[in-house]
Structure formats: structure tokens, C-alpha cells
Protein backbone atom coordinates (compact mmCIF):
# COMPACT_ATOMS: atom_id res chain seq x y z
CA MET A 1 29.21 -11.16 26.77
CA THR A 2 27.08 -8.71 24.82
CA THR A 3 29.04 -5.68 23.74
CA LEU A 4 28.03 -2.48 22.09
CA ALA A 5 29.81 -2.24 18.78
CA LEU A 6 28.54 0.47 16.48
CA THR A 7 29.85 -0.58 13.09
CA PRO A 8 30.42 2.06 10.38
CA PRO A 9 28.21 1.72 7.30
CA ALA A 10 29.47 -0.58 4.58
CA GLU A 11 28.60 -0.87 0.92
CA ASN A 12 25.05 -2.02 0.44
CA GLY A 13 22.76 -2.32 -2.53
CA LEU A 14 20.08 0.28 -3.05
CA VAL A 15 17.34 -2.36 -2.93
CA GLN A 16 18.59 -3.58 0.40
CA VAL A 17 18.74 -0.06 1.82
CA ILE A 18 15.23 0.71 0.68
CA THR A 19 13.93 -2.64 1.98
CA ILE A 20 15.54 -2.23 5.38
CA GLY A 21 14.17 1.33 5.68
CA ALA A 22 10.69 0.34 4.65
CA CYS A 23 10.67 -2.69 6.99
CA MET A 24 11.82 -0.56 9.91
CA ALA A 25 9.08 1.99 9.22
CA MET A 26 6.35 -0.66 9.05
CA ALA A 27 7.69 -2.43 12.14
CA VAL A 28 7.71 0.82 14.12
CA ILE A 29 4.09 1.44 13.12
CA GLY A 30 3.17 -2.05 14.26
CA MET A 31 4.98 -1.49 17.54
CA ALA A 32 3.12 1.82 18.04
CA VAL A 33 -0.23 0.08 17.45
CA LEU A 34 0.65 -2.57 20.05
CA ALA A 35 1.78 0.13 22.49
CA VAL A 36 -1.50 2.05 22.13
CA ARG A 37 -3.55 -1.13 22.65
CA GLY A 38 -1.42 -2.05 25.63
CA PHE A 39 -1.87 1.38 27.23
CA ARG A 40 -5.65 1.22 26.69
CA GLU A 41 -5.80 -2.20 28.28
CA TRP A 42 -3.85 -0.92 31.26
CA ARG A 43 -6.07 2.12 31.67
CA ASN A 44 -9.41 0.39 31.07
CA GLN A 45 -8.81 -3.09 32.45
CA GLY A 46 -5.91 -2.62 34.79
CA ARG A 47 -3.95 -5.23 32.84
CA PRO A 48 -0.43 -4.21 31.76
CA ALA A 49 0.46 -7.59 30.22
CA LEU A 50 0.99 -6.25 26.70
CA LEU A 51 3.03 -3.28 27.88
CA VAL A 52 5.46 -5.39 29.90
CA LEU A 53 5.76 -7.93 27.10
CA LEU A 54 6.59 -5.07 24.70
CA ALA A 55 9.24 -3.76 27.08
CA GLY A 56 10.64 -7.25 27.52
CA SER A 57 10.78 -7.83 23.77
CA LEU A 58 12.95 -4.72 23.37
CA VAL A 59 15.27 -6.01 26.05
CA ALA A 60 15.39 -9.29 24.15
CA TYR A 61 17.23 -7.47 21.38
CA LEU A 62 20.35 -7.87 23.55
CA THR A 63 20.09 -11.63 23.20
CA LEU A 64 18.90 -11.71 19.61
CA PRO A 65 22.30 -12.99 18.34
CA GLY A 66 21.35 -16.21 20.09
CA LEU A 67 18.64 -16.64 17.45
CA ASP A 68 21.17 -15.83 14.73
CA LEU A 69 23.42 -18.53 16.12
CA TYR A 70 20.69 -21.18 16.44
CA ALA A 71 19.09 -20.53 13.04
CA GLY A 72 22.15 -19.60 11.04
CA PHE A 73 21.17 -15.98 10.24
CA ARG A 74 23.69 -13.78 8.46
CA PHE A 75 22.77 -10.20 7.65
CA SER A 76 23.68 -7.90 4.80
CA PRO A 77 26.14 -5.06 5.57
CA PRO A 78 24.93 -2.34 7.90
CA THR A 79 23.52 0.97 6.65
CA SER A 80 23.87 4.53 7.93
CA PHE A 81 20.47 4.32 9.64
CA SER A 82 20.78 0.72 10.72
CA PRO A 83 24.35 0.08 11.99
CA ASN A 84 25.44 -3.04 13.79
CA VAL A 85 24.76 -2.25 17.43
CA ILE A 86 25.72 -5.32 19.48
CA ARG A 87 28.06 -8.27 19.08
CA LEU A 88 27.49 -11.62 20.79
CA PHE A 89 28.72 -15.12 19.97
CA GLY A 90 30.93 -13.46 17.37
CA LEU A 91 27.84 -12.24 15.47
CA ASP A 92 26.84 -8.64 14.76
CA GLU A 93 23.24 -7.57 15.21
CA PRO A 94 21.89 -4.68 13.09
CA LEU A 95 19.60 -2.05 14.52
CA TRP A 96 16.68 -2.86 12.20
CA THR A 97 16.05 -6.18 13.92
CA LEU A 98 15.21 -4.30 17.11
CA THR A 99 12.08 -2.90 15.48
CA PHE A 100 10.86 -6.46 14.77
CA CYS A 101 11.20 -7.71 18.35
CA PRO A 102 7.72 -6.49 19.41
CA LEU A 103 6.10 -8.18 16.41
CA TYR A 104 7.97 -11.47 16.68
CA ILE A 105 8.25 -11.79 20.49
CA ALA A 106 5.67 -9.58 22.24
CA LEU A 107 2.78 -10.11 19.81
CA PRO A 108 2.75 -13.97 19.78
CA ALA A 109 3.36 -14.00 23.52
CA TYR A 110 0.40 -11.66 24.00
CA LEU A 111 -1.79 -13.70 21.71
CA ALA A 112 -1.06 -16.81 23.78
CA TYR A 113 -1.71 -14.90 26.97
CA THR A 114 -5.05 -13.66 25.55
CA ALA A 115 -5.95 -17.15 24.37
CA PHE A 116 -5.74 -18.48 27.94
CA ALA A 117 -7.29 -15.36 29.49
CA GLN A 118 -10.33 -15.44 27.20
CA GLY A 119 -10.71 -19.18 26.82
CA TRP A 120 -10.04 -19.59 23.11
CA THR A 121 -10.78 -22.86 21.39
CA LEU A 122 -7.94 -25.15 20.37
CA ALA A 123 -8.83 -24.64 16.69
CA ARG A 124 -8.62 -20.86 17.02
CA LEU A 125 -5.16 -20.96 18.51
CA TRP A 126 -4.01 -23.35 15.74
CA ARG A 127 -5.40 -20.93 13.12
CA VAL A 128 -3.48 -18.06 14.67
CA LEU A 129 -0.26 -20.08 14.54
CA PHE A 130 -0.74 -21.02 10.88
CA LEU A 131 -1.64 -17.43 9.99
CA LEU A 132 1.50 -16.08 11.65
CA THR A 133 3.61 -18.75 9.95
CA ALA A 134 2.13 -17.89 6.52
CA VAL A 135 2.82 -14.17 7.12
CA ASP A 136 6.42 -14.97 8.08
CA LEU A 137 6.96 -16.98 4.93
CA ALA A 138 5.50 -14.18 2.84
CA ILE A 139 8.05 -11.83 4.42
CA GLU A 140 11.03 -14.18 4.40
CA LEU A 141 10.84 -15.51 0.85
CA PRO A 142 11.41 -12.13 -0.83
CA ALA A 143 13.74 -10.96 1.94
CA VAL A 144 16.06 -13.94 1.39
CA ASN A 145 15.75 -14.33 -2.37
CA LEU A 146 15.08 -10.89 -3.78
CA THR A 147 16.40 -8.20 -1.48
CA ARG A 148 18.84 -10.52 0.38
CA VAL A 149 18.77 -8.44 3.59
CA TYR A 150 19.74 -11.66 5.30
CA THR A 151 20.46 -15.28 4.44
CA TYR A 152 20.47 -18.62 6.18
CA ARG A 153 23.83 -20.34 6.63
CA GLY A 154 24.75 -23.81 7.81
CA ASP A 155 23.27 -27.20 6.88
CA GLN A 156 19.66 -26.10 6.72
CA PRO A 157 17.10 -28.90 6.17
CA LEU A 158 13.80 -28.75 4.31
CA GLU A 159 14.46 -25.52 2.40
CA LEU A 160 11.79 -23.82 0.30
CA LEU A 161 13.50 -21.30 -2.02
CA ASN A 162 16.41 -20.93 0.45
CA VAL A 163 14.13 -20.50 3.46
CA PRO A 164 14.27 -23.48 5.89
CA LEU A 165 10.78 -24.63 6.84
CA ILE A 166 11.85 -25.66 10.29
CA TRP A 167 12.00 -22.05 11.61
CA PRO A 168 8.86 -20.05 10.78
CA MET A 169 6.59 -21.92 13.22
CA ALA A 170 9.31 -21.97 15.86
CA TYR A 171 9.65 -18.20 15.77
CA PHE A 172 6.10 -17.91 17.12
CA ILE A 173 5.71 -21.04 19.26
CA ALA A 174 8.75 -20.04 21.35
CA PRO A 175 7.33 -16.69 22.53
CA MET A 176 3.88 -18.26 22.95
CA TYR A 177 5.42 -20.31 25.76
CA LEU A 178 6.46 -17.05 27.32
CA GLY A 179 2.90 -15.79 27.11
CA ALA A 180 1.60 -19.00 28.68
CA ILE A 181 4.06 -18.61 31.58
CA VAL A 182 3.03 -15.02 32.13
CA HIS A 183 -0.65 -16.02 32.14
CA HIS A 184 0.02 -18.84 34.57
CA LEU A 185 1.69 -16.40 36.95
CA SER A 186 -0.69 -13.49 36.35
CA SER A 187 -2.77 -14.04 39.49
CA TYR A 188 0.39 -13.28 41.48
CA LEU A 189 1.31 -10.20 39.46
CA HIS A 190 -0.03 -6.97 40.88
CA GLY A 191 1.33 -3.43 40.74
CA ALA A 192 5.10 -3.29 40.28
CA ARG A 193 5.34 -7.11 40.31
CA TRP A 194 4.40 -7.01 36.64
CA LEU A 195 7.88 -5.58 36.00
CA LEU A 196 9.30 -8.98 36.88
CA VAL A 197 8.08 -10.11 33.46
CA VAL A 198 10.49 -7.78 31.67
CA PRO A 199 13.71 -9.69 32.34
CA LEU A 200 11.92 -13.01 31.70
CA ALA A 201 10.78 -11.78 28.32
CA GLY A 202 14.25 -10.33 27.76
CA SER A 203 15.63 -13.87 27.40
CA GLY A 204 13.74 -13.95 24.08
CA TYR A 205 14.73 -16.67 21.63
CA LEU A 206 17.89 -17.43 23.52
CA ALA A 207 15.90 -19.36 26.11
CA PHE A 208 12.78 -20.61 24.37
CA LEU A 209 13.86 -21.51 20.82
CA PRO A 210 16.14 -24.48 21.55
CA MET A 211 13.49 -25.87 23.87
CA ILE A 212 10.96 -26.36 21.04
CA ALA A 213 13.28 -26.64 18.03
CA TRP A 214 16.34 -28.49 19.26
CA PRO A 215 16.49 -31.01 16.35
CA GLY A 216 16.71 -28.07 13.97
CA VAL A 217 19.59 -26.50 15.94
CA ILE A 218 21.43 -29.81 15.73
CA ALA A 219 20.81 -30.15 11.98
CA VAL A 220 22.15 -26.67 11.27
CA HIS A 221 25.29 -27.02 13.28
CA ASP A 222 26.28 -30.64 12.80
CA GLY A 223 28.30 -30.43 9.60
CA SER A 224 28.96 -34.16 9.58
CA THR A 225 25.31 -35.12 9.18
CA HIS A 226 24.46 -36.98 5.96
CA PRO A 227 21.79 -35.22 3.78
CA VAL A 228 19.31 -37.94 4.66
CA GLY A 229 20.02 -37.54 8.31
CA ARG A 230 19.69 -33.80 8.02
CA THR A 231 16.30 -34.22 6.38
CA LEU A 232 15.22 -36.55 9.16
CA LEU A 233 16.36 -33.99 11.74
CA GLY A 234 14.33 -31.37 9.90
CA LEU A 235 11.21 -33.51 9.99
CA ALA A 236 11.91 -34.22 13.66
CA ALA A 237 12.19 -30.47 14.31
CA ILE A 238 8.78 -29.79 12.82
CA ALA A 239 7.27 -32.75 14.72
CA VAL A 240 8.75 -31.49 18.01
CA GLU A 241 7.43 -27.96 17.33
CA LEU A 242 3.94 -29.24 16.62
CA ALA A 243 4.01 -31.46 19.71
CA ALA A 244 5.24 -28.54 21.84
CA PHE A 245 2.47 -26.30 20.55
CA HIS A 246 -0.20 -28.98 21.12
CA LEU A 247 1.15 -29.50 24.62
CA LEU A 248 0.86 -25.77 25.24
CA ALA A 249 -2.66 -25.61 23.83
CA LEU A 250 -3.87 -28.46 26.10
CA ARG A 251 -4.16 -25.84 28.90
CA LEU A 252 -6.90 -24.02 26.98
CA LYS A 253 -10.37 -24.08 28.55
CA PRO A 254 -12.76 -22.86 25.80
CA GLY A 255 -15.23 -20.33 27.08
CA VAL A 256 -13.74 -20.26 30.57
CA PRO A 257 -12.14 -16.98 31.66
CA GLY A 258 -8.55 -17.08 32.93
CA SER A 259 -7.14 -16.31 36.33
CA PRO A 260 -8.57 -13.61 38.58
CA ALA A 261 -5.96 -11.18 37.28
CA ASP A 262 -7.63 -11.50 33.84
CA VAL A 263 -11.10 -10.55 35.05
CA GLY A 264 -10.28 -7.31 36.79
CA ASN A 265 -8.71 -8.00 40.17
CA SER A 266 -5.41 -6.57 39.00
CA ALA A 267 -7.14 -3.24 38.37
CA GLN A 268 -7.83 -2.89 42.12
CA HIS A 269 -4.18 -3.46 42.97
CA LEU A 270 -3.02 -0.97 40.32
CA ARG A 271 -5.32 1.69 41.69
CA GLN A 272 -3.69 1.20 45.12
CA GLY A 273 -0.37 2.32 43.67
CA PRO A 274 2.46 0.70 41.72
CA LEU A 275 4.44 -0.33 44.81
CA SER A 276 1.54 -1.52 47.02
CA ALA A 277 1.90 -5.19 46.10
CA LEU A 278 5.65 -5.49 46.76
């Protein structure tokens, strides 16, 4: 069970404190940009998809220790402005990770939603995935090796400078499945029904990560696996992730708009009042 457990600050290096503070500030700015865009879409197009995904991503903070468990995250000691807030699976979750939930959960989910709504090409969606993965690696490599605000524990396969290569793609493919589900259901979502997305998105990585990266979860937690077997599980994890993403992308119809909810029908329902569609 998730419990609130505000942990007093512990000793922490100055570099870590500065890094955590700077990352929180940048993440909050990114969240604000997404919120403004989501509000404009709701006002102008009657489509609250981004807003409800943002809300759901914040709820997903409550399940974020599930990601820590799957991937083997261990964080540096808490700071005065980023204490450990919740404890789940015997793992403490610092406050600063909350600010990254919109960027790592809501944003990729929204991009997948938009890809289906606007009829992106398969190549465009693949480029978005590779771009997000590259950005994640650019963040993680210094975070793990220089500032050490967190580390990866367990029998991690396929490491590049202490960052396992099995996770960066998975961090974005998992919420993209959420975005695809929301798009698939969007023609049924009018008015207050959009709020039903919030608890679904609140499952976060706890629900979607093992679905598309289960060989990696096995590799990290099976301490008896031989190094060769661990490497094979790492390769299998990447293969499963790529297959899962390709399977997801097969629903794309380039140049073809998405469901009626994506081309304005939801605006009519919203104008009738938030409870009219219940």
C-alpha cells in the first residue's frame, strides 16, 4: 500500500542539490508549457486529451515506485526541497520525480494520441521515439555518472556508462500505449467522461512497463542468471520493445484523421455542459 512518508533531509552533495533543483525547475516549466497547450486545445478545439493526461500523470506519481522496482532505480538522499514523499514496495520516492511525470508519461502519451488523431506516417512516429530516447540518454548519462542523483541497481544488462540501454525506449513506448488506448476510446469520451482517463493514466509505469519490457524486468531481478543469459535477456527486451512499438504503430493511417472526437464533435458535447454526456 502506498503511504505518505515525509523523510527528513539527509546529507547530500552540493552538486546533487543543485542538479535536483535545476531539474525540478526545468520540469515545472515543461509542465506549464504542456498545461497551456492543453488548455488552448480544450478552449479552441473542445479536446481536453492533453489536460486529462497531465492530470493522470500526476496521479501516476503514487505508483512511480513500481518503476523503481522494475528498473532498479535507487535515488540519492532527499533534500530540504525534495523530501521522500511516498513509500511503496519498500522504496522511497522523492518529490522531484513528480515534476517529471508530465514529461515522461503525459507527453509521450499525448504524442501517440496526436499521431493517430492527425494520421502521422510510420516513419514520423519512429523518429519521435528515437528523438525521445536520445534526449533521455543525454539526461541520464550525466545524472547517473556525474551528479549521481540516482543509480541503477540489480543485474542490469547492456549498460552504456552505467545506464542500461533496455530502459530509455521503454520509458516512452509504455505511455504511448496509454495514448493509443485513449485515442481508441476518444469517440466515446464527451464532457465529464474524459475524467475517466485520469485513473487509467494514474496506473503509469506500474501497468504498462512490464507489458512491453518484461525480459528486462526478469534480467534485473533474476540474480541467478549467467552474464551471457543476462545479455540475451537484454537483447530480448529491446526486441520486444521494438516489436511492441511497431505493433502499436500499425494502427496509423497516414493522412487520415482520427475518430470523430478528434475532428470537433467533442466540442459540441463540451459546450452542452460537463455533465451532459454522463
